[in-house]
C-alpha atoms as a PDB file:
ATOM      1  CA  MET A   1     -28.803 -12.116 -66.926  1.00  0.00           C
ATOM      2  CA  ARG A   2     -29.802  -8.718 -67.908  1.00  0.00           C
ATOM      3  CA  GLY A   3     -32.890  -9.965 -69.562  1.00  0.00           C
ATOM      4  CA  ALA A   4     -33.597 -12.232 -66.643  1.00  0.00           C
ATOM      5  CA  GLY A   5     -33.344  -9.244 -64.135  1.00  0.00           C
ATOM      6  CA  ILE A   6     -35.846  -7.125 -66.338  1.00  0.00           C
ATOM      7  CA  ALA A   7     -38.050 -10.052 -66.354  1.00  0.00           C
ATOM      8  CA  ALA A   8     -37.965 -10.683 -62.555  1.00  0.00           C
ATOM      9  CA  VAL A   9     -38.779  -6.878 -62.183  1.00  0.00           C
ATOM     10  CA  ALA A  10     -41.719  -7.070 -64.494  1.00  0.00           C
ATOM     11  CA  ILE A  11     -43.098 -10.248 -62.702  1.00  0.00           C
ATOM     12  CA  ALA A  12     -42.821  -8.481 -59.308  1.00  0.00           C
ATOM     13  CA  LEU A  13     -44.530  -5.483 -60.674  1.00  0.00           C
ATOM     14  CA  LEU A  14     -47.461  -7.454 -61.973  1.00  0.00           C
ATOM     15  CA  ALA A  15     -47.704  -9.291 -58.606  1.00  0.00           C
ATOM     16  CA  MET A  16     -48.182  -6.032 -56.742  1.00  0.00           C
ATOM     17  CA  PRO A  17     -51.735  -5.263 -55.835  1.00  0.00           C
ATOM     18  CA  ALA A  18     -53.286  -2.449 -58.177  1.00  0.00           C
ATOM     19  CA  PRO A  19     -53.829   0.871 -56.276  1.00  0.00           C
ATOM     20  CA  PRO A  20     -57.443   1.228 -55.421  1.00  0.00           C
ATOM     21  CA  SER A  21     -59.626   3.204 -57.889  1.00  0.00           C
ATOM     22  CA  LEU A  22     -61.368   6.154 -57.157  1.00  0.00           C
ATOM     23  CA  ALA A  23     -64.799   4.267 -56.989  1.00  0.00           C
ATOM     24  CA  ASP A  24     -63.272   2.112 -54.649  1.00  0.00           C
ATOM     25  CA  GLN A  25     -61.846   4.867 -52.562  1.00  0.00           C
ATOM     26  CA  GLU A  26     -65.428   6.502 -52.453  1.00  0.00           C
ATOM     27  CA  GLU A  27     -67.093   3.346 -51.346  1.00  0.00           C
ATOM     28  CA  ASP A  28     -64.582   2.903 -48.469  1.00  0.00           C
ATOM     29  CA  LEU A  29     -65.154   6.706 -47.486  1.00  0.00           C
ATOM     30  CA  ALA A  30     -68.844   6.116 -47.581  1.00  0.00           C
ATOM     31  CA  LYS A  31     -68.637   3.183 -45.151  1.00  0.00           C
ATOM     32  CA  LYS A  32     -66.397   5.283 -42.878  1.00  0.00           C
ATOM     33  CA  THR A  33     -68.694   8.125 -42.520  1.00  0.00           C
ATOM     34  CA  GLN A  34     -71.261   5.669 -41.646  1.00  0.00           C
ATOM     35  CA  ASN A  35     -69.314   4.242 -38.723  1.00  0.00           C
ATOM     36  CA  PRO A  36     -69.263   6.574 -35.687  1.00  0.00           C
ATOM     37  CA  VAL A  37     -66.015   5.030 -34.328  1.00  0.00           C
ATOM     38  CA  SER A  38     -64.015   5.089 -37.542  1.00  0.00           C
ATOM     39  CA  ASP A  39     -60.654   6.649 -37.726  1.00  0.00           C
ATOM     40  CA  LEU A  40     -61.780   9.673 -39.907  1.00  0.00           C
ATOM     41  CA  ILE A  41     -61.841  13.501 -39.235  1.00  0.00           C
ATOM     42  CA  SER A  42     -64.929  14.939 -40.583  1.00  0.00           C
ATOM     43  CA  VAL A  43     -67.048  18.052 -40.036  1.00  0.00           C
ATOM     44  CA  PRO A  44     -70.710  17.528 -40.733  1.00  0.00           C
ATOM     45  CA  PHE A  45     -73.194  20.465 -41.348  1.00  0.00           C
ATOM     46  CA  GLU A  46     -76.629  18.781 -40.662  1.00  0.00           C
ATOM     47  CA  ASN A  47     -79.503  20.960 -41.542  1.00  0.00           C
ATOM     48  CA  ASN A  48     -83.039  19.859 -40.078  1.00  0.00           C
ATOM     49  CA  PHE A  49     -86.090  21.442 -41.428  1.00  0.00           C
ATOM     50  CA  ASN A  50     -88.980  20.553 -38.705  1.00  0.00           C
ATOM     51  CA  PHE A  51     -92.410  21.037 -40.350  1.00  0.00           C
ATOM     52  CA  GLY A  52     -95.733  21.371 -38.499  1.00  0.00           C
ATOM     53  CA  ALA A  53     -94.396  22.624 -35.123  1.00  0.00           C
ATOM     54  CA  GLY A  54     -96.760  24.106 -32.468  1.00  0.00           C
ATOM     55  CA  GLU A  55    -100.266  25.222 -32.904  1.00  0.00           C
ATOM     56  CA  ARG A  56     -99.668  27.273 -35.867  1.00  0.00           C
ATOM     57  CA  ASP A  57     -97.799  24.530 -37.787  1.00  0.00           C
ATOM     58  CA  ARG A  58     -94.735  26.352 -38.090  1.00  0.00           C
ATOM     59  CA  THR A  59     -91.223  25.288 -39.401  1.00  0.00           C
ATOM     60  CA  GLN A  60     -88.415  24.830 -36.955  1.00  0.00           C
ATOM     61  CA  TYR A  61     -84.796  24.927 -38.164  1.00  0.00           C
ATOM     62  CA  VAL A  62     -81.832  23.152 -36.559  1.00  0.00           C
ATOM     63  CA  LEU A  63     -78.266  23.333 -37.930  1.00  0.00           C
ATOM     64  CA  ASN A  64     -76.014  20.632 -36.055  1.00  0.00           C
ATOM     65  CA  ILE A  65     -72.238  21.431 -36.706  1.00  0.00           C
ATOM     66  CA  GLN A  66     -70.843  18.382 -35.205  1.00  0.00           C
ATOM     67  CA  PRO A  67     -66.843  17.794 -35.896  1.00  0.00           C
ATOM     68  CA  VAL A  68     -65.605  14.404 -35.118  1.00  0.00           C
ATOM     69  CA  VAL A  69     -61.822  14.027 -34.210  1.00  0.00           C
ATOM     70  CA  PRO A  70     -60.411  10.650 -33.455  1.00  0.00           C
ATOM     71  CA  VAL A  71     -57.272  10.690 -31.259  1.00  0.00           C
ATOM     72  CA  HIS A  72     -54.770   7.711 -31.156  1.00  0.00           C
ATOM     73  CA  LEU A  73     -54.151   6.884 -27.608  1.00  0.00           C
ATOM     74  CA  THR A  74     -52.244   3.857 -28.527  1.00  0.00           C
ATOM     75  CA  HIS A  75     -51.688   1.523 -31.614  1.00  0.00           C
ATOM     76  CA  ASP A  76     -54.938  -0.191 -30.725  1.00  0.00           C
ATOM     77  CA  TRP A  77     -57.245   2.284 -29.186  1.00  0.00           C
ATOM     78  CA  LEU A  78     -58.980   5.540 -30.378  1.00  0.00           C
ATOM     79  CA  LEU A  79     -60.498   8.239 -28.520  1.00  0.00           C
ATOM     80  CA  ILE A  80     -63.465   9.491 -30.713  1.00  0.00           C
ATOM     81  CA  ASN A  81     -64.429  13.092 -29.747  1.00  0.00           C
ATOM     82  CA  ARG A  82     -67.771  14.137 -31.286  1.00  0.00           C
ATOM     83  CA  THR A  83     -69.112  17.724 -30.479  1.00  0.00           C
ATOM     84  CA  ILE A  84     -72.614  18.834 -31.522  1.00  0.00           C
ATOM     85  CA  MET A  85     -73.102  22.680 -31.831  1.00  0.00           C
ATOM     86  CA  PRO A  86     -76.879  23.346 -32.348  1.00  0.00           C
ATOM     87  CA  LEU A  87     -77.957  26.467 -33.895  1.00  0.00           C
ATOM     88  CA  VAL A  88     -81.773  26.581 -33.661  1.00  0.00           C
ATOM     89  CA  TYR A  89     -84.503  28.756 -35.149  1.00  0.00           C
ATOM     90  CA  GLN A  90     -87.627  28.523 -32.933  1.00  0.00           C
ATOM     91  CA  PRO A  91     -90.459  30.237 -34.920  1.00  0.00           C
ATOM     92  CA  ALA A  92     -93.229  32.331 -33.388  1.00  0.00           C
ATOM     93  CA  GLY A  93     -95.762  30.452 -31.591  1.00  0.00           C
ATOM     94  CA  VAL A  94     -93.660  27.517 -30.638  1.00  0.00           C
ATOM     95  CA  GLY A  95     -93.001  28.279 -26.920  1.00  0.00           C
ATOM     96  CA  GLY A  96     -93.175  32.005 -27.138  1.00  0.00           C
ATOM     97  CA  SER A  97     -94.784  34.804 -29.009  1.00  0.00           C
ATOM     98  CA  ASN A  98     -91.653  35.840 -31.086  1.00  0.00           C
ATOM     99  CA  GLY A  99     -89.302  34.018 -33.272  1.00  0.00           C
ATOM    100  CA  GLU A 100     -85.827  33.113 -31.756  1.00  0.00           C
ATOM    101  CA  PHE A 101     -82.496  32.174 -33.221  1.00  0.00           C
ATOM    102  CA  GLY A 102     -79.369  31.216 -31.516  1.00  0.00           C
ATOM    103  CA  LEU A 103     -77.011  28.758 -29.985  1.00  0.00           C
ATOM    104  CA  SER A 104     -78.647  25.967 -27.919  1.00  0.00           C
ATOM    105  CA  ASP A 105     -76.758  23.520 -25.573  1.00  0.00           C
ATOM    106  CA  ILE A 106     -73.623  21.973 -26.869  1.00  0.00           C
ATOM    107  CA  ASN A 107     -73.045  18.344 -26.625  1.00  0.00           C
ATOM    108  CA  HIS A 108     -69.736  16.736 -26.378  1.00  0.00           C
ATOM    109  CA  THR A 109     -69.161  12.702 -26.631  1.00  0.00           C
ATOM    110  CA  ALA A 110     -65.759  10.932 -26.014  1.00  0.00           C
ATOM    111  CA  TRP A 111     -66.015   7.062 -27.103  1.00  0.00           C
ATOM    112  CA  LEU A 112     -62.966   4.892 -26.181  1.00  0.00           C
ATOM    113  CA  SER A 113     -63.066   2.420 -29.060  1.00  0.00           C
ATOM    114  CA  PRO A 114     -60.599  -0.452 -29.903  1.00  0.00           C
ATOM    115  CA  GLN A 115     -59.259  -0.673 -33.319  1.00  0.00           C
ATOM    116  CA  ASN A 116     -59.137  -4.087 -34.592  1.00  0.00           C
ATOM    117  CA  ASP A 117     -60.388  -6.623 -37.124  1.00  0.00           C
ATOM    118  CA  SER A 118     -63.348  -7.825 -35.128  1.00  0.00           C
ATOM    119  CA  PRO A 119     -66.596  -8.007 -37.187  1.00  0.00           C
ATOM    120  CA  ILE A 120     -68.157  -5.815 -34.278  1.00  0.00           C
ATOM    121  CA  LEU A 121     -66.675  -2.627 -33.218  1.00  0.00           C
ATOM    122  CA  TRP A 122     -67.874  -0.402 -30.225  1.00  0.00           C
ATOM    123  CA  GLY A 123     -67.185   2.652 -28.213  1.00  0.00           C
ATOM    124  CA  LEU A 124     -67.781   3.654 -24.677  1.00  0.00           C
ATOM    125  CA  GLY A 125     -67.478   6.801 -22.943  1.00  0.00           C
ATOM    126  CA  PRO A 126     -68.989   9.865 -21.106  1.00  0.00           C
ATOM    127  CA  VAL A 127     -71.343  12.471 -22.826  1.00  0.00           C
ATOM    128  CA  VAL A 128     -71.697  16.120 -21.570  1.00  0.00           C
ATOM    129  CA  SER A 129     -74.216  18.712 -22.386  1.00  0.00           C
ATOM    130  CA  LEU A 130     -72.840  22.206 -21.765  1.00  0.00           C
ATOM    131  CA  PRO A 131     -75.419  25.102 -20.670  1.00  0.00           C
ATOM    132  CA  THR A 132     -74.748  27.256 -23.715  1.00  0.00           C
ATOM    133  CA  ALA A 133     -78.298  27.889 -25.021  1.00  0.00           C
ATOM    134  CA  VAL A 134     -78.900  31.830 -25.222  1.00  0.00           C
ATOM    135  CA  ASN A 135     -82.384  31.387 -23.541  1.00  0.00           C
ATOM    136  CA  ASP A 136     -84.581  28.598 -22.495  1.00  0.00           C
ATOM    137  CA  ARG A 137     -86.751  28.441 -25.594  1.00  0.00           C
ATOM    138  CA  LEU A 138     -83.520  27.283 -27.305  1.00  0.00           C
ATOM    139  CA  GLY A 139     -82.275  24.813 -24.717  1.00  0.00           C
ATOM    140  CA  PRO A 140     -82.560  23.721 -21.175  1.00  0.00           C
ATOM    141  CA  SER A 141     -79.409  25.677 -20.130  1.00  0.00           C
ATOM    142  CA  LYS A 142     -78.347  22.761 -17.771  1.00  0.00           C
ATOM    143  CA  LEU A 143     -75.054  21.235 -17.353  1.00  0.00           C
ATOM    144  CA  SER A 144     -75.862  17.380 -17.705  1.00  0.00           C
ATOM    145  CA  VAL A 145     -73.755  14.355 -17.879  1.00  0.00           C
ATOM    146  CA  GLY A 146     -74.141  10.465 -18.614  1.00  0.00           C
ATOM    147  CA  PRO A 147     -72.916   7.562 -20.368  1.00  0.00           C
ATOM    148  CA  SER A 148     -72.781   6.691 -24.014  1.00  0.00           C
ATOM    149  CA  PHE A 149     -72.350   3.520 -25.951  1.00  0.00           C
ATOM    150  CA  VAL A 150     -72.074   2.720 -29.649  1.00  0.00           C
ATOM    151  CA  LEU A 151     -72.054  -0.706 -31.324  1.00  0.00           C
ATOM    152  CA  VAL A 152     -71.185  -0.951 -35.217  1.00  0.00           C
ATOM    153  CA  THR A 153     -71.134  -4.185 -37.673  1.00  0.00           C
ATOM    154  CA  THR A 154     -70.059  -3.951 -41.117  1.00  0.00           C
ATOM    155  CA  PRO A 155     -70.864  -7.366 -43.009  1.00  0.00           C
ATOM    156  CA  GLY A 156     -70.415  -6.994 -46.696  1.00  0.00           C
ATOM    157  CA  ASP A 157     -72.062  -3.775 -48.110  1.00  0.00           C
ATOM    158  CA  PHE A 158     -73.890  -2.941 -44.743  1.00  0.00           C
ATOM    159  CA  VAL A 159     -72.997  -0.679 -41.878  1.00  0.00           C
ATOM    160  CA  ALA A 160     -75.396  -1.062 -39.169  1.00  0.00           C
ATOM    161  CA  GLY A 161     -75.618  -0.216 -35.460  1.00  0.00           C
ATOM    162  CA  PHE A 162     -76.882   1.727 -32.741  1.00  0.00           C
ATOM    163  CA  LEU A 163     -75.538   4.542 -30.206  1.00  0.00           C
ATOM    164  CA  VAL A 164     -77.412   5.243 -26.966  1.00  0.00           C
ATOM    165  CA  ASN A 165     -77.014   7.596 -24.178  1.00  0.00           C
ATOM    166  CA  ASN A 166     -78.919   9.289 -21.190  1.00  0.00           C
ATOM    167  CA  VAL A 167     -77.998  12.417 -19.464  1.00  0.00           C
ATOM    168  CA  TRP A 168     -79.080  13.933 -16.072  1.00  0.00           C
ATOM    169  CA  SER A 169     -78.529  17.586 -15.079  1.00  0.00           C
ATOM    170  CA  VAL A 170     -76.140  18.238 -12.409  1.00  0.00           C
ATOM    171  CA  ALA A 171     -76.037  22.148 -12.325  1.00  0.00           C
ATOM    172  CA  GLY A 172     -77.439  25.089 -14.159  1.00  0.00           C
ATOM    173  CA  ASP A 173     -80.335  27.627 -14.062  1.00  0.00           C
ATOM    174  CA  SER A 174     -82.424  26.766 -11.055  1.00  0.00           C
ATOM    175  CA  ASP A 175     -85.389  28.331 -13.022  1.00  0.00           C
ATOM    176  CA  THR A 176     -85.302  25.738 -15.834  1.00  0.00           C
ATOM    177  CA  PRO A 177     -86.571  22.151 -15.195  1.00  0.00           C
ATOM    178  CA  ASN A 178     -84.045  19.425 -14.466  1.00  0.00           C
ATOM    179  CA  VAL A 179     -82.821  17.177 -17.375  1.00  0.00           C
ATOM    180  CA  ASN A 180     -83.282  13.361 -17.486  1.00  0.00           C
ATOM    181  CA  ALA A 181     -83.095  12.867 -21.338  1.00  0.00           C
ATOM    182  CA  PHE A 182     -82.566   9.559 -23.436  1.00  0.00           C
ATOM    183  CA  THR A 183     -81.254   9.399 -26.998  1.00  0.00           C
ATOM    184  CA  LEU A 184     -81.110   6.164 -29.193  1.00  0.00           C
ATOM    185  CA  GLN A 185     -80.031   6.321 -32.928  1.00  0.00           C
ATOM    186  CA  TYR A 186     -80.173   2.893 -34.903  1.00  0.00           C
ATOM    187  CA  PHE A 187     -78.754   3.073 -38.134  1.00  0.00           C
ATOM    188  CA  ILE A 188     -78.684   0.862 -41.358  1.00  0.00           C
ATOM    189  CA  ASN A 189     -76.756   1.657 -44.321  1.00  0.00           C
ATOM    190  CA  TYR A 190     -76.772  -0.311 -47.770  1.00  0.00           C
ATOM    191  CA  ASN A 191     -73.832   0.626 -49.906  1.00  0.00           C
ATOM    192  CA  LEU A 192     -74.174   0.811 -53.721  1.00  0.00           C
ATOM    193  CA  ALA A 193     -71.450   1.401 -56.396  1.00  0.00           C
ATOM    194  CA  ASP A 194     -69.634   4.664 -57.093  1.00  0.00           C
ATOM    195  CA  GLY A 195     -70.220   5.793 -53.392  1.00  0.00           C
ATOM    196  CA  TRP A 196     -73.910   5.840 -53.397  1.00  0.00           C
ATOM    197  CA  TYR A 197     -75.717   4.549 -50.335  1.00  0.00           C
ATOM    198  CA  LEU A 198     -79.154   4.012 -48.896  1.00  0.00           C
ATOM    199  CA  ASN A 199     -79.660   4.953 -45.308  1.00  0.00           C
ATOM    200  CA  THR A 200     -82.033   4.784 -42.345  1.00  0.00           C
ATOM    201  CA  GLY A 201     -80.912   6.523 -38.960  1.00  0.00           C
ATOM    202  CA  PRO A 202     -83.780   7.966 -36.981  1.00  0.00           C
ATOM    203  CA  VAL A 203     -82.829   9.655 -33.569  1.00  0.00           C
ATOM    204  CA  LEU A 204     -85.501   8.563 -30.877  1.00  0.00           C
ATOM    205  CA  THR A 205     -85.525  10.581 -27.851  1.00  0.00           C
ATOM    206  CA  ALA A 206     -87.325  10.471 -24.522  1.00  0.00           C
ATOM    207  CA  ASN A 207     -87.873  13.105 -21.745  1.00  0.00           C
ATOM    208  CA  TRP A 208     -88.335  11.115 -18.671  1.00  0.00           C
ATOM    209  CA  ASN A 209     -89.385  14.210 -16.687  1.00  0.00           C
ATOM    210  CA  ALA A 210     -92.312  15.021 -19.169  1.00  0.00           C
ATOM    211  CA  LYS A 211     -95.841  14.010 -18.490  1.00  0.00           C
ATOM    212  CA  SER A 212     -97.196  10.570 -19.777  1.00  0.00           C
ATOM    213  CA  GLY A 213     -97.757  10.848 -23.481  1.00  0.00           C
ATOM    214  CA  ASP A 214     -95.343  13.578 -24.048  1.00  0.00           C
ATOM    215  CA  GLN A 215     -92.263  11.564 -23.216  1.00  0.00           C
ATOM    216  CA  TRP A 216     -91.222  10.079 -26.541  1.00  0.00           C
ATOM    217  CA  THR A 217     -90.358  11.347 -30.067  1.00  0.00           C
ATOM    218  CA  ILE A 218     -90.213   8.405 -32.291  1.00  0.00           C
ATOM    219  CA  PRO A 219     -89.380   9.176 -36.205  1.00  0.00           C
ATOM    220  CA  VAL A 220     -89.264   6.486 -39.129  1.00  0.00           C
ATOM    221  CA  GLY A 221     -87.856   7.391 -42.480  1.00  0.00           C
ATOM    222  CA  ALA A 222     -84.986   6.854 -44.777  1.00  0.00           C
ATOM    223  CA  GLY A 223     -82.702   8.697 -47.184  1.00  0.00           C
ATOM    224  CA  ILE A 224     -80.047   8.400 -49.643  1.00  0.00           C
ATOM    225  CA  GLY A 225     -76.538   9.674 -49.993  1.00  0.00           C
ATOM    226  CA  LYS A 226     -73.261   9.950 -51.893  1.00  0.00           C
ATOM    227  CA  ILE A 227     -69.511  10.611 -51.674  1.00  0.00           C
ATOM    228  CA  HIS A 228     -68.481  13.575 -53.889  1.00  0.00           C
ATOM    229  CA  ARG A 229     -65.388  15.355 -54.444  1.00  0.00           C
ATOM    230  CA  PHE A 230     -64.816  19.208 -54.366  1.00  0.00           C
ATOM    231  CA  GLY A 231     -61.581  19.521 -55.975  1.00  0.00           C
ATOM    232  CA  GLN A 232     -59.237  17.143 -53.860  1.00  0.00           C
ATOM    233  CA  LEU A 233     -61.600  17.435 -50.831  1.00  0.00           C
ATOM    234  CA  PRO A 234     -64.025  14.505 -50.566  1.00  0.00           C
ATOM    235  CA  LEU A 235     -67.607  15.498 -49.326  1.00  0.00           C
ATOM    236  CA  ASN A 236     -70.552  13.395 -48.148  1.00  0.00           C
ATOM    237  CA  LEU A 237     -73.850  14.588 -49.023  1.00  0.00           C
ATOM    238  CA  ARG A 238     -76.954  12.929 -47.678  1.00  0.00           C
ATOM    239  CA  LEU A 239     -80.767  13.818 -48.081  1.00  0.00           C
ATOM    240  CA  ALA A 240     -83.400  12.189 -45.747  1.00  0.00           C
ATOM    241  CA  ALA A 241     -87.130  12.516 -44.614  1.00  0.00           C
ATOM    242  CA  PHE A 242     -88.745  11.256 -41.340  1.00  0.00           C
ATOM    243  CA  SER A 243     -92.093  11.368 -39.975  1.00  0.00           C
ATOM    244  CA  ASN A 244     -92.791  11.437 -36.105  1.00  0.00           C
ATOM    245  CA  VAL A 245     -94.997   8.657 -35.547  1.00  0.00           C
ATOM    246  CA  GLU A 246     -95.027   9.583 -31.723  1.00  0.00           C
ATOM    247  CA  ARG A 247     -94.109  12.891 -30.544  1.00  0.00           C
ATOM    248  CA  PRO A 248     -94.951  15.293 -27.607  1.00  0.00           C
ATOM    249  CA  SER A 249     -97.669  17.916 -28.038  1.00  0.00           C
ATOM    250  CA  GLY A 250     -96.366  20.879 -30.020  1.00  0.00           C
ATOM    251  CA  ALA A 251     -93.811  18.884 -31.850  1.00  0.00           C
ATOM    252  CA  ALA A 252     -93.119  18.673 -35.584  1.00  0.00           C
ATOM    253  CA  ASP A 253     -95.044  16.328 -37.642  1.00  0.00           C
ATOM    254  CA  TRP A 254     -92.331  15.411 -40.011  1.00  0.00           C
ATOM    255  CA  SER A 255     -88.619  16.519 -40.816  1.00  0.00           C
ATOM    256  CA  LEU A 256     -86.489  16.790 -43.828  1.00  0.00           C
ATOM    257  CA  GLN A 257     -82.717  16.610 -43.332  1.00  0.00           C
ATOM    258  CA  PHE A 258     -79.793  17.598 -45.600  1.00  0.00           C
ATOM    259  CA  ARG A 259     -76.142  16.820 -44.554  1.00  0.00           C
ATOM    260  CA  ILE A 260     -72.908  18.096 -46.094  1.00  0.00           C
ATOM    261  CA  GLN A 261     -69.784  16.470 -44.632  1.00  0.00           C
ATOM    262  CA  PHE A 262     -66.555  17.484 -45.102  1.00  0.00           C
ATOM    263  CA  LEU A 263     -64.109  14.607 -45.080  1.00  0.00           C
ATOM    264  CA  PHE A 264     -60.477  14.511 -44.005  1.00  0.00           C
ATOM    265  CA  PRO A 265     -59.222  10.965 -44.567  1.00  0.00           C
ATOM    266  CA  LYS A 266     -55.612   9.825 -43.859  1.00  0.00           C
ATOM    267  CA  GLY A 267     -53.197  10.772 -46.700  1.00  0.00           C
ATOM    268  CA  SER A 268     -55.381  13.768 -47.906  1.00  0.00           C
ATOM    269  CA  ARG A 269     -53.646  16.954 -48.413  1.00  0.00           C
ATOM    270  CA  ALA A 270     -55.641  18.823 -45.652  1.00  0.00           C
ATOM    271  CA  THR A 271     -54.897  16.012 -43.114  1.00  0.00           C
ATOM    272  CA  ASP A 272     -51.310  15.934 -43.779  1.00  0.00           C
ATOM    273  CA  GLU A 273     -50.871  19.720 -43.467  1.00  0.00           C
ATOM    274  CA  SER A 274     -52.731  19.563 -40.250  1.00  0.00           C
ATOM    275  CA  ALA A 275     -50.328  16.887 -38.967  1.00  0.00           C
ATOM    276  CA  ALA A 276     -47.269  18.770 -40.062  1.00  0.00           C
ATOM    277  CA  ALA A 277     -48.687  21.880 -38.197  1.00  0.00           C
ATOM    278  CA  GLN A 278     -49.209  20.166 -35.193  1.00  0.00           C
ATOM    279  CA  GLU A 279     -45.447  18.625 -35.135  1.00  0.00           C
ATOM    280  CA  GLU A 280     -44.168  21.948 -35.522  1.00  0.00           C
END
């Protein structure tokens, strides 16, 4: 009987699924970073170097700090909060005689998203642009609001989709132009082994109030990324380059983008400590 019991335990242990390997975990994390409505807390620091701006072909720098915090409303619904805080260096000769560095308008989006096994995921909610720019060279300094929508599909090794919004100014500095701005980002990611992936995700924008020929900025390009680990903390690193095939006068010719994204998946020590602090 004792031998039979040991054999039964052994068979049960063999039948249990093996824990995911580190490589599998990194591939899963890579897919979650590529999905704007995934249940993943993250803090990306996106460095954008925009070359050839203005008449003097200067380099503009934009650091987008954009924490993403999903909140469980119910078992089946998430509220995805994404805030973009842009720090901008506007070089001399681009909209002014002197170089300027400071905070631009902060943008916050809140997507309501169902969490299920559907092959297509979506999120819908408001986007708000706050008039936080330190001067009109760094942002319009207008309170602007509008709708935002995101759609994602994850077939096989791909994560693809798009997000779109349009904002209109409703208040702010009366000396600055009104805002009617459109944003469309499509993204296609192909995931490789060990957390590596290929990516294209240009951000297309339109200023509907600009004169004809100066409304659209249309970049094309691609990049490569990988999930790394800094001790126990997973990081998403990505490098990409884009050429602006359509752009307003004075805008940059092309851009180099480097993103470092701190990830806080469920079960990580940092996430568990944060949850415990909230409960206290």
